Amino acid sequence: MESDTTVRRIKPLGSQLYAAQDHDGAYDRCGDNGYSDDPKRKPEVSLYSLREGLAASLVSVFILVLWGLVHLSLQQLVVGKPTGEFNAERARRHLEQITSVGPRPVGSQENEVLTVGYLLEQIESIRVKTAAGPHQLTVDVQRPTGSFSIDFLGGFTSFYDRVTNIAVRLEPKSGSQHLMLANCHFDTVANSPGASDDAVSCAVMLEVLHSLANLSTPLHHGVIFLFNGAEENILQASHGFITQHPWAKQVRAFINLEAAGVGGKEVVFQTGPENPWLVQAYVHAAKHPFASVVGQEVFQSGIIPSDTDFRIYRDFGNIPGIDLAFIENGFIYHTKYDTANRILTDSIQRAGDNILAVLKHLVMSEKLADSSQYRHGNMVFFDLLGVVVVAYPSRVGTILNYMVAMATFVYLAKKASLPGNRGGRYVRDLACATGVAVLSWFVTLLSVLIVALLITLLGQSMFWYTHFYASICLYGAAATGKMILIHTLAKNLYYGGVRLVELGDLYFDVSLLLWCCSLVWLTQQDLCSAYVPMLMVAFPLVTRLLLANEFKHRGASLKYCVLYLLGLALPYVHFMFLIWVVFEIFTPIMGRSGTEIPPEVVMATLVTLATIFLSSFFLHFIYLVRSTKWILAGLGSVFLILFLLVSGSLFFPYSGSPDSPRPKRVFLQHTTRTFHNLQGQVESRDSGLWINSFDFTGIQHITPHIPEINDSIRTRCQEDRPFCGYPWFLPVKFLSRKNWYLPASEVSPSSPVEFSLLSKEETSWGTFKMTFSVKGPSHMSLYLMPHRGASLSTWSFGDGTPQFDLSGEYFVFYSHGLNAPTWTFWFEIQPPKEPDPAGPEGMISVAISSHYFFGEDWRTAQLEEILRRFPPWAFPSAWVSTYDMYRY
């Protein structure tokens, strides 16, 4: 320890009282630490400041230990021994059987016949074996047709025809009036076996059904197990069930099982709306709790480009529920690597234990029968390392938050009112120090973003995609070093000879004040996530008060520093868990977020914000340390070495390693495009391989392997054609404006699209009603682009009102199951008052694209040939499509 004996009170630069220093640089004894009750009284005590090495060691060990605890808790999938109620091995056999047929897109034999057949066979087996028990089991295979609009991906309309639902009703033999719903989906995207998304959930539900059906005590209420066969088609089957099935009216609440990753722990990331009794049920019953209201509020903000059946049941069924999802290892979500062998049996066990326990609790609860009287209010909920869940009503949280904020302001006001601080001196010092802290944030963020821009300009974007900790070392070292440098300069140049312990005390108050301001603001916004700053205020404040005498008489002693860090441990370990969740979700998302979002800016911002938040209560230590030169030298060296390594391309973004793949996602469509003029004649026609890269690096790393895919064939949007004249499967052109078109031979599907205008008639109110028929594959996209001055007034979709206008265009997503009839639709259009001489002829451009995801039309020889040339670290998804445009 070093003795800190500079005794100047905090005043503006240049107003030093005195600073006694001997010829060796060691300071004499100094006055009382902090703001004294009596400014004239200077007790003869020796106050300590921290040695630089010790400070760095303490903070580093603290961070590493807590980070290790977070990872240890994540690896501990099952706490205690399984009770035997849920058989994970049997559920795994279901999982392996479901995934053995491969990808299961809607309309395919694998989805509509093989998987449906297996599920019905297992359900019938359960029914037969439990027929003598106190429960009855009813099965209904529903194939609904319908349409709806949704504000996902900018907004579009969905139409489905004869998609498949398997609804299984388990209830006492006397019947039940109130039902709980458990939902999973067995369909997949066209390029993945979908073990985690969502076959494992269906396997878990089969086993939960088996366990509940075998109970000797009858359930109080019934349960519907819905195995839905069209979720990946943007939530169609769940809409068909909740809006059309006769059992839906009796559903009082639901549990939805989903995935945004592969394996690990399933997390509760959405509940409600309102109905806090559902969270209470989970807290009471779940054997391995894992939940966060922060995840709920982040997900519902729309930042994460994903959605689940939860939205459908909430918005169209007006029923509350719980949404659970696997979130780990999102790098292989919706890829060929999402296989059964990557899901640990313990993951299945914990999910099964939780779902079974929560369902059993809910169907035995009287609250399910009349949930309306329990519906109001929200819950604050979070778990501590998966050991225990803390949950309390949001109104209690509001009171608690304001109590903590009031205690903080009382603490600060008491300091400001001490005799030695009259005249507003403390308030001025606190305001000035707060300004320094906030300025350091902005300067740090700006500096790190400049580094991110340099990395992008050097062509090294996403170097961290496979090497995550390289981003922590680069951006984290830059952010930490910049923060320390700014505060070191402030300490040495602005504060001059102010006692270090007094500065440390002041900057603790700054951190407390800033967190308290965020606490008040989040509480006023009615955000349940306000509990996070509440923890970050309450624990440090209590710790500070308990250690006040130690700090007052001895300064930054080793005992004080260790106890101070222990006091921060609980809020910090929880905050670091939240940081892990953020990176676990957003790092993989950067690999599928399109070509327009610069990933270096996102990653640098996340790392910098994490550094700023974590460093808040360590500002206290920066001002207690006499020197930071070696810390700065170390951080600077780490940053410089990493920057040189990244610049030298030593960190390749992608990996094809079987154990830990980090694939680059590329979409290829072998398509033929046909454009018709106003007279119905073919205006132009071409064919090619239309290529989309769904991350920022584009084809930068593909070109060396396939030279003909280069920027010379990059497309330009043709604004006079719906959706730029290309066969977008979903309305995501705003995410991926960079795409490439390699000329290729014409495609000739054996079942080509049959598109025709059935009628066109003028109405008495001045619009034109146009009716069309379409016959084609299971997946098609309809694009409507009214010309300038024209507008759609009504149509046959949804509630009849065209709702979602994407820059003058409308997108209708269509899919069907087996044996679907011809698709017929109509719309009314108000013609323009006068034609646009600069625009296309007519009132509207209508285009239809078809997508062949399976069967004999799925691939062509040319497509297969180019797919073989992709490197092993790439994951190309490929299919045949067509695009036909007409003017009317």
Foldseek 3Di string as FASTA:
>chain_A
DAWFALEFAFDWPPPGPDGDADPVRGGAFHAWAAQDLDPVDGDRFTAAFDAQVVLVVLVVVLVVVLLVLLVVLLVCLADDDFPPLFDLVQLLVQLQLLLVVPAFAFFDCSQPPVNVVVVVVLLVVLQVVLVPAQKHKDKDKDFFWAKAKDCALQIFIATEGGFIKIKMKIFGPVAAQAEEEEEAESHAPLAASCSVFPSSSVSLVSRLSSSQSPDRDGFQHMYIYMHGHHVVLPQPRLLRCCQPPPCNVRYAEYEYEGALAAATAKEFQAWDVFLAVLVVLLQVFQNQHAYAPVSNVVVVVCPFNDDGNQCSCCPVNVHIYIYIYHQFHSLCPRHHLNGSVRYDSSNSSNVSRSVSRSVRSVRNDPCSVPVVVRRDFHKGWGDQSRPHIDIDTLVVVLVLLVVLLVVLVVVLVVSCPRPSNPPPNLVVVLVVVLVLLVVLLVVLLVVLVVLLVVLVVLLLFQLCLVPVCLLCLALVLSSVLSSLVSLVCCLCPTRNSHGLLNVLVSLLSSLLVVLSVVLVVCVVVSRSVSVLSSLVNVLLVVLCVVCVVVCRRHNPDPVSSVSSSVSCSRSVSRVVSVLVSVCSNVSSVLLQQAQPDRVSSVSSNSSNVSSSNVCSSVSSSSSSHPDCVVVSVVSVVSNVVSSVCSSVVVRDNFDLDSVRGNFFEKEWAFEKEFEAAQVRHTPDIFTWIKMFGRHNSTCVVVCVLPVLPDPVQKDQQPVQAFPSRDFDLDSNCVRYVTIGTGGDDHADDPFDKDKDWPDWDADPVQKIKTKMKIDGAFWKKKKKAFDPQKDWQFKDHHPTGQDRADPRMHMYIYGYYPPGDIDMMMTIMHAGPDDDPVHGDAGMKMKMKHWDSDDPQFDDPVRVVVVVSGDSRHGYDYGYMYMYMYHD
